[in-house]
Amino acid sequence: MLATTICEETELIAEIGDAEDALDLSRRLARENDVTRAVAVRRTVSSGVLDRAALRQLGLDIAEEATRQQMAAQRSFAAITRAMTNGDDVLARAAREAMRLF
């Protein structure tokens, strides 16, 4: 499941959902082998009561993690493209064009 989808669902559940909605999200995440997040969502439910603040914080943490990963990927892409631009072959020209676009 995409991080944006998880963030949207956690926010929605925290606002108007209940413990069963959170458990359902946890089960779906587990089915998709996102066990770490499934456990984190499951931990926001205790004795059938949803901890809305914890679920909201979890959504924020997932969004921050996704942002960090995206920024790291952009830096890596830029570094690789810069390295490829040295030279005057076809790959170097393609890399220079890619750098211009991104």
PDB file of N, CA and C in Angstrom:
ATOM      1  N   MET A   1       0.848  -1.162   0.000  1.00  0.00           N
ATOM      2  CA  MET A   1       0.000   0.000   0.000  1.00  0.00           C
ATOM      3  C   MET A   1       0.903   1.237   0.000  1.00  0.00           C
ATOM      4  N   LEU A   2       0.559   2.197  -0.770  1.00  0.00           N
ATOM      5  CA  LEU A   2       1.343   3.423  -0.854  1.00  0.00           C
ATOM      6  C   LEU A   2       1.294   4.201   0.457  1.00  0.00           C
ATOM      7  N   ALA A   3       2.386   4.878   0.756  1.00  0.00           N
ATOM      8  CA  ALA A   3       2.468   5.664   1.991  1.00  0.00           C
ATOM      9  C   ALA A   3       1.379   6.732   2.032  1.00  0.00           C
ATOM     10  N   THR A   4       1.085   7.344   0.887  1.00  0.00           N
ATOM     11  CA  THR A   4       0.045   8.380   0.875  1.00  0.00           C
ATOM     12  C   THR A   4      -1.321   7.794   1.224  1.00  0.00           C
ATOM     13  N   THR A   5      -1.587   6.601   0.736  1.00  0.00           N
ATOM     14  CA  THR A   5      -2.853   5.937   1.031  1.00  0.00           C
ATOM     15  C   THR A   5      -2.955   5.613   2.518  1.00  0.00           C
ATOM     16  N   ILE A   6      -1.860   5.115   3.088  1.00  0.00           N
ATOM     17  CA  ILE A   6      -1.858   4.785   4.515  1.00  0.00           C
ATOM     18  C   ILE A   6      -2.077   6.051   5.338  1.00  0.00           C
ATOM     19  N   CYS A   7      -1.394   7.125   4.966  1.00  0.00           N
ATOM     20  CA  CYS A   7      -1.548   8.392   5.696  1.00  0.00           C
ATOM     21  C   CYS A   7      -2.982   8.894   5.629  1.00  0.00           C
ATOM     22  N   GLU A   8      -3.569   8.831   4.449  1.00  0.00           N
ATOM     23  CA  GLU A   8      -4.958   9.283   4.297  1.00  0.00           C
ATOM     24  C   GLU A   8      -5.904   8.421   5.134  1.00  0.00           C
ATOM     25  N   GLU A   9      -5.697   7.105   5.107  1.00  0.00           N
ATOM     26  CA  GLU A   9      -6.580   6.221   5.864  1.00  0.00           C
ATOM     27  C   GLU A   9      -6.412   6.405   7.365  1.00  0.00           C
ATOM     28  N   THR A  10      -5.175   6.575   7.830  1.00  0.00           N
ATOM     29  CA  THR A  10      -4.982   6.771   9.271  1.00  0.00           C
ATOM     30  C   THR A  10      -5.645   8.067   9.720  1.00  0.00           C
ATOM     31  N   GLU A  11      -5.544   9.107   8.909  1.00  0.00           N
ATOM     32  CA  GLU A  11      -6.174  10.382   9.261  1.00  0.00           C
ATOM     33  C   GLU A  11      -7.700  10.231   9.291  1.00  0.00           C
ATOM     34  N   LEU A  12      -8.238   9.560   8.298  1.00  0.00           N
ATOM     35  CA  LEU A  12      -9.685   9.350   8.239  1.00  0.00           C
ATOM     36  C   LEU A  12     -10.173   8.525   9.435  1.00  0.00           C
ATOM     37  N   ILE A  13      -9.461   7.455   9.731  1.00  0.00           N
ATOM     38  CA  ILE A  13      -9.846   6.608  10.868  1.00  0.00           C
ATOM     39  C   ILE A  13      -9.715   7.381  12.173  1.00  0.00           C
ATOM     40  N   ALA A  14      -8.651   8.171  12.303  1.00  0.00           N
ATOM     41  CA  ALA A  14      -8.456   8.953  13.528  1.00  0.00           C
ATOM     42  C   ALA A  14      -9.569   9.977  13.714  1.00  0.00           C
ATOM     43  N   GLU A  15     -10.096  10.486  12.621  1.00  0.00           N
ATOM     44  CA  GLU A  15     -11.150  11.502  12.713  1.00  0.00           C
ATOM     45  C   GLU A  15     -12.534  10.901  12.955  1.00  0.00           C
ATOM     46  N   ILE A  16     -12.915   9.927  12.129  1.00  0.00           N
ATOM     47  CA  ILE A  16     -14.294   9.439  12.218  1.00  0.00           C
ATOM     48  C   ILE A  16     -14.412   7.929  12.363  1.00  0.00           C
ATOM     49  N   GLY A  17     -13.288   7.233  12.400  1.00  0.00           N
ATOM     50  CA  GLY A  17     -13.336   5.782  12.479  1.00  0.00           C
ATOM     51  C   GLY A  17     -13.399   5.275  13.902  1.00  0.00           C
ATOM     52  N   ASP A  18     -13.319   3.942  14.005  1.00  0.00           N
ATOM     53  CA  ASP A  18     -13.307   3.328  15.324  1.00  0.00           C
ATOM     54  C   ASP A  18     -12.210   2.265  15.368  1.00  0.00           C
ATOM     55  N   ALA A  19     -12.146   1.551  16.467  1.00  0.00           N
ATOM     56  CA  ALA A  19     -11.098   0.556  16.660  1.00  0.00           C
ATOM     57  C   ALA A  19     -11.148  -0.524  15.579  1.00  0.00           C
ATOM     58  N   GLU A  20     -12.343  -0.920  15.189  1.00  0.00           N
ATOM     59  CA  GLU A  20     -12.468  -1.965  14.168  1.00  0.00           C
ATOM     60  C   GLU A  20     -11.899  -1.505  12.820  1.00  0.00           C
ATOM     61  N   ASP A  21     -12.069  -0.232  12.488  1.00  0.00           N
ATOM     62  CA  ASP A  21     -11.488   0.299  11.250  1.00  0.00           C
ATOM     63  C   ASP A  21      -9.958   0.231  11.294  1.00  0.00           C
ATOM     64  N   ALA A  22      -9.393   0.563  12.434  1.00  0.00           N
ATOM     65  CA  ALA A  22      -7.939   0.499  12.585  1.00  0.00           C
ATOM     66  C   ALA A  22      -7.457  -0.938  12.485  1.00  0.00           C
ATOM     67  N   LEU A  23      -8.183  -1.868  13.103  1.00  0.00           N
ATOM     68  CA  LEU A  23      -7.800  -3.281  13.020  1.00  0.00           C
ATOM     69  C   LEU A  23      -7.906  -3.800  11.587  1.00  0.00           C
ATOM     70  N   ASP A  24      -8.914  -3.326  10.869  1.00  0.00           N
ATOM     71  CA  ASP A  24      -9.064  -3.712   9.464  1.00  0.00           C
ATOM     72  C   ASP A  24      -7.877  -3.201   8.641  1.00  0.00           C
ATOM     73  N   LEU A  25      -7.462  -1.953   8.871  1.00  0.00           N
ATOM     74  CA  LEU A  25      -6.287  -1.410   8.185  1.00  0.00           C
ATOM     75  C   LEU A  25      -5.057  -2.234   8.533  1.00  0.00           C
ATOM     76  N   SER A  26      -4.918  -2.600   9.786  1.00  0.00           N
ATOM     77  CA  SER A  26      -3.786  -3.409  10.216  1.00  0.00           C
ATOM     78  C   SER A  26      -3.758  -4.755   9.489  1.00  0.00           C
ATOM     79  N   ARG A  27      -4.913  -5.396   9.369  1.00  0.00           N
ATOM     80  CA  ARG A  27      -4.985  -6.686   8.665  1.00  0.00           C
ATOM     81  C   ARG A  27      -4.633  -6.529   7.189  1.00  0.00           C
ATOM     82  N   ARG A  28      -5.118  -5.459   6.553  1.00  0.00           N
ATOM     83  CA  ARG A  28      -4.793  -5.239   5.132  1.00  0.00           C
ATOM     84  C   ARG A  28      -3.295  -5.017   4.939  1.00  0.00           C
ATOM     85  N   LEU A  29      -2.695  -4.261   5.842  1.00  0.00           N
ATOM     86  CA  LEU A  29      -1.252  -4.028   5.750  1.00  0.00           C
ATOM     87  C   LEU A  29      -0.489  -5.336   5.925  1.00  0.00           C
ATOM     88  N   ALA A  30      -0.930  -6.167   6.851  1.00  0.00           N
ATOM     89  CA  ALA A  30      -0.275  -7.456   7.079  1.00  0.00           C
ATOM     90  C   ALA A  30      -0.397  -8.351   5.846  1.00  0.00           C
ATOM     91  N   ARG A  31      -1.567  -8.339   5.206  1.00  0.00           N
ATOM     92  CA  ARG A  31      -1.748  -9.140   3.983  1.00  0.00           C
ATOM     93  C   ARG A  31      -0.811  -8.684   2.872  1.00  0.00           C
ATOM     94  N   GLU A  32      -0.460  -7.404   2.874  1.00  0.00           N
ATOM     95  CA  GLU A  32       0.439  -6.866   1.852  1.00  0.00           C
ATOM     96  C   GLU A  32       1.900  -6.928   2.294  1.00  0.00           C
ATOM     97  N   ASN A  33       2.161  -7.683   3.370  1.00  0.00           N
ATOM     98  CA  ASN A  33       3.513  -7.882   3.913  1.00  0.00           C
ATOM     99  C   ASN A  33       4.152  -6.605   4.431  1.00  0.00           C
ATOM    100  N   ASP A  34       3.357  -5.644   4.823  1.00  0.00           N
ATOM    101  CA  ASP A  34       3.857  -4.427   5.464  1.00  0.00           C
ATOM    102  C   ASP A  34       3.671  -4.610   6.974  1.00  0.00           C
ATOM    103  N   VAL A  35       4.384  -5.598   7.506  1.00  0.00           N
ATOM    104  CA  VAL A  35       4.169  -6.049   8.877  1.00  0.00           C
ATOM    105  C   VAL A  35       4.512  -4.968   9.903  1.00  0.00           C
ATOM    106  N   THR A  36       5.580  -4.227   9.668  1.00  0.00           N
ATOM    107  CA  THR A  36       5.987  -3.196  10.626  1.00  0.00           C
ATOM    108  C   THR A  36       4.879  -2.167  10.824  1.00  0.00           C
ATOM    109  N   ARG A  37       4.328  -1.690   9.728  1.00  0.00           N
ATOM    110  CA  ARG A  37       3.243  -0.714   9.823  1.00  0.00           C
ATOM    111  C   ARG A  37       1.967  -1.355  10.350  1.00  0.00           C
ATOM    112  N   ALA A  38       1.721  -2.614   9.988  1.00  0.00           N
ATOM    113  CA  ALA A  38       0.533  -3.319  10.491  1.00  0.00           C
ATOM    114  C   ALA A  38       0.579  -3.408  12.015  1.00  0.00           C
ATOM    115  N   VAL A  39       1.739  -3.742  12.546  1.00  0.00           N
ATOM    116  CA  VAL A  39       1.885  -3.835  14.003  1.00  0.00           C
ATOM    117  C   VAL A  39       1.723  -2.458  14.641  1.00  0.00           C
ATOM    118  N   ALA A  40       2.292  -1.442  14.013  1.00  0.00           N
ATOM    119  CA  ALA A  40       2.183  -0.084  14.555  1.00  0.00           C
ATOM    120  C   ALA A  40       0.723   0.363  14.614  1.00  0.00           C
ATOM    121  N   VAL A  41      -0.040   0.066  13.570  1.00  0.00           N
ATOM    122  CA  VAL A  41      -1.461   0.423  13.566  1.00  0.00           C
ATOM    123  C   VAL A  41      -2.198  -0.387  14.626  1.00  0.00           C
ATOM    124  N   ARG A  42      -1.868  -1.671  14.721  1.00  0.00           N
ATOM    125  CA  ARG A  42      -2.531  -2.540  15.710  1.00  0.00           C
ATOM    126  C   ARG A  42      -2.283  -2.023  17.128  1.00  0.00           C
ATOM    127  N   ARG A  43      -1.128  -1.487  17.376  1.00  0.00           N
ATOM    128  CA  ARG A  43      -0.790  -0.996  18.717  1.00  0.00           C
ATOM    129  C   ARG A  43      -1.564   0.267  19.106  1.00  0.00           C
ATOM    130  N   THR A  44      -2.239   0.877  18.153  1.00  0.00           N
ATOM    131  CA  THR A  44      -3.055   2.047  18.490  1.00  0.00           C
ATOM    132  C   THR A  44      -4.406   1.646  19.060  1.00  0.00           C
ATOM    133  N   VAL A  45      -4.678   0.337  19.070  1.00  0.00           N
ATOM    134  CA  VAL A  45      -5.928  -0.183  19.626  1.00  0.00           C
ATOM    135  C   VAL A  45      -5.602  -0.992  20.873  1.00  0.00           C
ATOM    136  N   SER A  46      -6.241  -0.648  21.971  1.00  0.00           N
ATOM    137  CA  SER A  46      -6.034  -1.367  23.225  1.00  0.00           C
ATOM    138  C   SER A  46      -7.384  -1.593  23.894  1.00  0.00           C
ATOM    139  N   SER A  47      -7.675  -2.844  24.169  1.00  0.00           N
ATOM    140  CA  SER A  47      -8.945  -3.214  24.815  1.00  0.00           C
ATOM    141  C   SER A  47     -10.150  -2.683  24.040  1.00  0.00           C
ATOM    142  N   GLY A  48     -10.058  -2.719  22.721  1.00  0.00           N
ATOM    143  CA  GLY A  48     -11.169  -2.280  21.890  1.00  0.00           C
ATOM    144  C   GLY A  48     -11.343  -0.777  21.777  1.00  0.00           C
ATOM    145  N   VAL A  49     -10.351  -0.013  22.288  1.00  0.00           N
ATOM    146  CA  VAL A  49     -10.430   1.451  22.247  1.00  0.00           C
ATOM    147  C   VAL A  49      -9.303   1.973  21.362  1.00  0.00           C
ATOM    148  N   LEU A  50      -9.658   2.850  20.443  1.00  0.00           N
ATOM    149  CA  LEU A  50      -8.695   3.437  19.516  1.00  0.00           C
ATOM    150  C   LEU A  50      -8.033   4.659  20.132  1.00  0.00           C
ATOM    151  N   ASP A  51      -6.703   4.681  20.105  1.00  0.00           N
ATOM    152  CA  ASP A  51      -5.949   5.859  20.544  1.00  0.00           C
ATOM    153  C   ASP A  51      -5.774   6.749  19.314  1.00  0.00           C
ATOM    154  N   ARG A  52      -6.659   7.708  19.151  1.00  0.00           N
ATOM    155  CA  ARG A  52      -6.681   8.563  17.966  1.00  0.00           C
ATOM    156  C   ARG A  52      -5.402   9.391  17.816  1.00  0.00           C
ATOM    157  N   ALA A  53      -4.884   9.888  18.918  1.00  0.00           N
ATOM    158  CA  ALA A  53      -3.661  10.695  18.858  1.00  0.00           C
ATOM    159  C   ALA A  53      -2.482   9.856  18.375  1.00  0.00           C
ATOM    160  N   ALA A  54      -2.395   8.627  18.854  1.00  0.00           N
ATOM    161  CA  ALA A  54      -1.300   7.745  18.428  1.00  0.00           C
ATOM    162  C   ALA A  54      -1.428   7.400  16.943  1.00  0.00           C
ATOM    163  N   LEU A  55      -2.644   7.192  16.485  1.00  0.00           N
ATOM    164  CA  LEU A  55      -2.867   6.873  15.070  1.00  0.00           C
ATOM    165  C   LEU A  55      -2.522   8.067  14.185  1.00  0.00           C
ATOM    166  N   ARG A  56      -2.911   9.272  14.627  1.00  0.00           N
ATOM    167  CA  ARG A  56      -2.537  10.484  13.873  1.00  0.00           C
ATOM    168  C   ARG A  56      -1.019  10.618  13.796  1.00  0.00           C
ATOM    169  N   GLN A  57      -0.343  10.408  14.926  1.00  0.00           N
ATOM    170  CA  GLN A  57       1.113  10.521  14.959  1.00  0.00           C
ATOM    171  C   GLN A  57       1.760   9.480  14.049  1.00  0.00           C
ATOM    172  N   LEU A  58       1.204   8.285  14.023  1.00  0.00           N
ATOM    173  CA  LEU A  58       1.722   7.248  13.137  1.00  0.00           C
ATOM    174  C   LEU A  58       1.617   7.689  11.679  1.00  0.00           C
ATOM    175  N   GLY A  59       0.481   8.271  11.306  1.00  0.00           N
ATOM    176  CA  GLY A  59       0.320   8.775   9.936  1.00  0.00           C
ATOM    177  C   GLY A  59       1.341   9.846   9.611  1.00  0.00           C
ATOM    178  N   LEU A  60       1.598  10.748  10.556  1.00  0.00           N
ATOM    179  CA  LEU A  60       2.607  11.792  10.349  1.00  0.00           C
ATOM    180  C   LEU A  60       4.000  11.191  10.213  1.00  0.00           C
ATOM    181  N   ASP A  61       4.304  10.181  11.028  1.00  0.00           N
ATOM    182  CA  ASP A  61       5.617   9.532  10.956  1.00  0.00           C
ATOM    183  C   ASP A  61       5.820   8.843   9.610  1.00  0.00           C
ATOM    184  N   ILE A  62       4.776   8.203   9.106  1.00  0.00           N
ATOM    185  CA  ILE A  62       4.864   7.538   7.801  1.00  0.00           C
ATOM    186  C   ILE A  62       5.079   8.570   6.695  1.00  0.00           C
ATOM    187  N   ALA A  63       4.387   9.701   6.785  1.00  0.00           N
ATOM    188  CA  ALA A  63       4.554  10.765   5.781  1.00  0.00           C
ATOM    189  C   ALA A  63       5.974  11.320   5.814  1.00  0.00           C
ATOM    190  N   GLU A  64       6.520  11.524   7.013  1.00  0.00           N
ATOM    191  CA  GLU A  64       7.888  12.032   7.129  1.00  0.00           C
ATOM    192  C   GLU A  64       8.890  11.033   6.564  1.00  0.00           C
ATOM    193  N   GLU A  65       8.680   9.751   6.845  1.00  0.00           N
ATOM    194  CA  GLU A  65       9.561   8.711   6.320  1.00  0.00           C
ATOM    195  C   GLU A  65       9.528   8.690   4.789  1.00  0.00           C
ATOM    196  N   ALA A  66       8.339   8.790   4.221  1.00  0.00           N
ATOM    197  CA  ALA A  66       8.202   8.786   2.762  1.00  0.00           C
ATOM    198  C   ALA A  66       8.885  10.002   2.150  1.00  0.00           C
ATOM    199  N   THR A  67       8.769  11.145   2.798  1.00  0.00           N
ATOM    200  CA  THR A  67       9.419  12.361   2.310  1.00  0.00           C
ATOM    201  C   THR A  67      10.932  12.208   2.349  1.00  0.00           C
ATOM    202  N   ARG A  68      11.454  11.664   3.448  1.00  0.00           N
ATOM    203  CA  ARG A  68      12.909  11.440   3.547  1.00  0.00           C
ATOM    204  C   ARG A  68      13.397  10.499   2.451  1.00  0.00           C
ATOM    205  N   GLN A  69      12.649   9.424   2.206  1.00  0.00           N
ATOM    206  CA  GLN A  69      13.038   8.471   1.164  1.00  0.00           C
ATOM    207  C   GLN A  69      13.003   9.109  -0.215  1.00  0.00           C
ATOM    208  N   GLN A  70      12.003   9.943  -0.471  1.00  0.00           N
ATOM    209  CA  GLN A  70      11.905  10.608  -1.762  1.00  0.00           C
ATOM    210  C   GLN A  70      13.073  11.575  -1.954  1.00  0.00           C
ATOM    211  N   MET A  71      13.404  12.327  -0.920  1.00  0.00           N
ATOM    212  CA  MET A  71      14.512  13.276  -1.027  1.00  0.00           C
ATOM    213  C   MET A  71      15.837  12.543  -1.230  1.00  0.00           C
ATOM    214  N   ALA A  72      16.022  11.417  -0.559  1.00  0.00           N
ATOM    215  CA  ALA A  72      17.242  10.624  -0.732  1.00  0.00           C
ATOM    216  C   ALA A  72      17.330  10.077  -2.155  1.00  0.00           C
ATOM    217  N   ALA A  73      16.201   9.645  -2.690  1.00  0.00           N
ATOM    218  CA  ALA A  73      16.184   9.142  -4.062  1.00  0.00           C
ATOM    219  C   ALA A  73      16.501  10.256  -5.060  1.00  0.00           C
ATOM    220  N   GLN A  74      15.978  11.459  -4.819  1.00  0.00           N
ATOM    221  CA  GLN A  74      16.277  12.583  -5.703  1.00  0.00           C
ATOM    222  C   GLN A  74      17.760  12.940  -5.656  1.00  0.00           C
ATOM    223  N   ARG A  75      18.353  12.946  -4.448  1.00  0.00           N
ATOM    224  CA  ARG A  75      19.783  13.236  -4.330  1.00  0.00           C
ATOM    225  C   ARG A  75      20.619  12.179  -5.034  1.00  0.00           C
ATOM    226  N   SER A  76      20.220  10.932  -4.862  1.00  0.00           N
ATOM    227  CA  SER A  76      20.944   9.836  -5.506  1.00  0.00           C
ATOM    228  C   SER A  76      20.847   9.941  -7.022  1.00  0.00           C
ATOM    229  N   PHE A  77      19.654  10.228  -7.521  1.00  0.00           N
ATOM    230  CA  PHE A  77      19.463  10.382  -8.959  1.00  0.00           C
ATOM    231  C   PHE A  77      20.315  11.523  -9.497  1.00  0.00           C
ATOM    232  N   ALA A  78      20.327  12.647  -8.772  1.00  0.00           N
ATOM    233  CA  ALA A  78      21.121  13.792  -9.217  1.00  0.00           C
ATOM    234  C   ALA A  78      22.606  13.457  -9.232  1.00  0.00           C
ATOM    235  N   ALA A  79      23.071  12.732  -8.218  1.00  0.00           N
ATOM    236  CA  ALA A  79      24.494  12.371  -8.163  1.00  0.00           C
ATOM    237  C   ALA A  79      24.862  11.428  -9.306  1.00  0.00           C
ATOM    238  N   ILE A  80      23.997  10.468  -9.565  1.00  0.00           N
ATOM    239  CA  ILE A  80      24.274   9.522 -10.658  1.00  0.00           C
ATOM    240  C   ILE A  80      24.271  10.245 -11.993  1.00  0.00           C
ATOM    241  N   THR A  81      23.304  11.137 -12.176  1.00  0.00           N
ATOM    242  CA  THR A  81      23.239  11.857 -13.459  1.00  0.00           C
ATOM    243  C   THR A  81      24.437  12.771 -13.640  1.00  0.00           C
ATOM    244  N   ARG A  82      24.859  13.431 -12.553  1.00  0.00           N
ATOM    245  CA  ARG A  82      26.060  14.278 -12.651  1.00  0.00           C
ATOM    246  C   ARG A  82      27.274  13.451 -13.045  1.00  0.00           C
ATOM    247  N   ALA A  83      27.408  12.281 -12.460  1.00  0.00           N
ATOM    248  CA  ALA A  83      28.544  11.417 -12.775  1.00  0.00           C
ATOM    249  C   ALA A  83      28.492  10.963 -14.233  1.00  0.00           C
ATOM    250  N   MET A  84      27.291  10.743 -14.726  1.00  0.00           N
ATOM    251  CA  MET A  84      27.156  10.281 -16.107  1.00  0.00           C
ATOM    252  C   MET A  84      27.396  11.391 -17.123  1.00  0.00           C
ATOM    253  N   THR A  85      27.278  12.651 -16.731  1.00  0.00           N
ATOM    254  CA  THR A  85      27.406  13.736 -17.702  1.00  0.00           C
ATOM    255  C   THR A  85      28.840  13.974 -18.131  1.00  0.00           C
ATOM    256  N   ASN A  86      29.798  13.401 -17.408  1.00  0.00           N
ATOM    257  CA  ASN A  86      31.198  13.545 -17.814  1.00  0.00           C
ATOM    258  C   ASN A  86      31.407  12.744 -19.093  1.00  0.00           C
ATOM    259  N   GLY A  87      31.847  13.395 -20.109  1.00  0.00           N
ATOM    260  CA  GLY A  87      32.073  12.724 -21.380  1.00  0.00           C
ATOM    261  C   GLY A  87      31.203  13.310 -22.465  1.00  0.00           C
ATOM    262  N   ASP A  88      31.346  12.762 -23.663  1.00  0.00           N
ATOM    263  CA  ASP A  88      30.594  13.275 -24.796  1.00  0.00           C
ATOM    264  C   ASP A  88      29.961  12.142 -25.589  1.00  0.00           C
ATOM    265  N   ASP A  89      29.593  11.063 -24.895  1.00  0.00           N
ATOM    266  CA  ASP A  89      28.945   9.968 -25.605  1.00  0.00           C
ATOM    267  C   ASP A  89      27.424  10.095 -25.465  1.00  0.00           C
ATOM    268  N   VAL A  90      26.724   9.132 -25.989  1.00  0.00           N
ATOM    269  CA  VAL A  90      25.269   9.170 -26.005  1.00  0.00           C
ATOM    270  C   VAL A  90      24.710   9.176 -24.576  1.00  0.00           C
ATOM    271  N   LEU A  91      25.280   8.375 -23.685  1.00  0.00           N
ATOM    272  CA  LEU A  91      24.794   8.326 -22.304  1.00  0.00           C
ATOM    273  C   LEU A  91      24.980   9.669 -21.599  1.00  0.00           C
ATOM    274  N   ALA A  92      26.100  10.323 -21.856  1.00  0.00           N
ATOM    275  CA  ALA A  92      26.358  11.617 -21.227  1.00  0.00           C
ATOM    276  C   ALA A  92      25.343  12.655 -21.708  1.00  0.00           C
ATOM    277  N   ARG A  93      25.054  12.637 -23.005  1.00  0.00           N
ATOM    278  CA  ARG A  93      24.067  13.580 -23.527  1.00  0.00           C
ATOM    279  C   ARG A  93      22.681  13.294 -22.953  1.00  0.00           C
ATOM    280  N   ALA A  94      22.322  12.019 -22.838  1.00  0.00           N
ATOM    281  CA  ALA A  94      21.024  11.645 -22.257  1.00  0.00           C
ATOM    282  C   ALA A  94      20.966  12.075 -20.789  1.00  0.00           C
ATOM    283  N   ALA A  95      22.069  11.905 -20.070  1.00  0.00           N
ATOM    284  CA  ALA A  95      22.111  12.296 -18.652  1.00  0.00           C
ATOM    285  C   ALA A  95      21.955  13.811 -18.514  1.00  0.00           C
ATOM    286  N   ARG A  96      22.611  14.571 -19.386  1.00  0.00           N
ATOM    287  CA  ARG A  96      22.472  16.032 -19.331  1.00  0.00           C
ATOM    288  C   ARG A  96      21.023  16.445 -19.598  1.00  0.00           C
ATOM    289  N   GLU A  97      20.378  15.768 -20.529  1.00  0.00           N
ATOM    290  CA  GLU A  97      18.972  16.061 -20.824  1.00  0.00           C
ATOM    291  C   GLU A  97      18.086  15.706 -19.625  1.00  0.00           C
ATOM    292  N   ALA A  98      18.364  14.579 -18.981  1.00  0.00           N
ATOM    293  CA  ALA A  98      17.586  14.163 -17.815  1.00  0.00           C
ATOM    294  C   ALA A  98      17.769  15.162 -16.681  1.00  0.00           C
ATOM    295  N   MET A  99      18.981  15.666 -16.491  1.00  0.00           N
ATOM    296  CA  MET A  99      19.221  16.651 -15.430  1.00  0.00           C
ATOM    297  C   MET A  99      18.432  17.926 -15.678  1.00  0.00           C
ATOM    298  N   ARG A 100      18.317  18.296 -16.955  1.00  0.00           N
ATOM    299  CA  ARG A 100      17.572  19.497 -17.305  1.00  0.00           C
ATOM    300  C   ARG A 100      16.097  19.324 -16.957  1.00  0.00           C
ATOM    301  N   LEU A 101      15.579  18.125 -17.149  1.00  0.00           N
ATOM    302  CA  LEU A 101      14.163  17.872 -16.882  1.00  0.00           C
ATOM    303  C   LEU A 101      13.861  17.762 -15.392  1.00  0.00           C
ATOM    304  N   PHE A 102      14.807  17.243 -14.632  1.00  0.00           N
ATOM    305  CA  PHE A 102      14.569  17.028 -13.203  1.00  0.00           C
ATOM    306  C   PHE A 102      15.286  18.063 -12.420  1.00  0.00           C
TER     307      PHE A 102
END
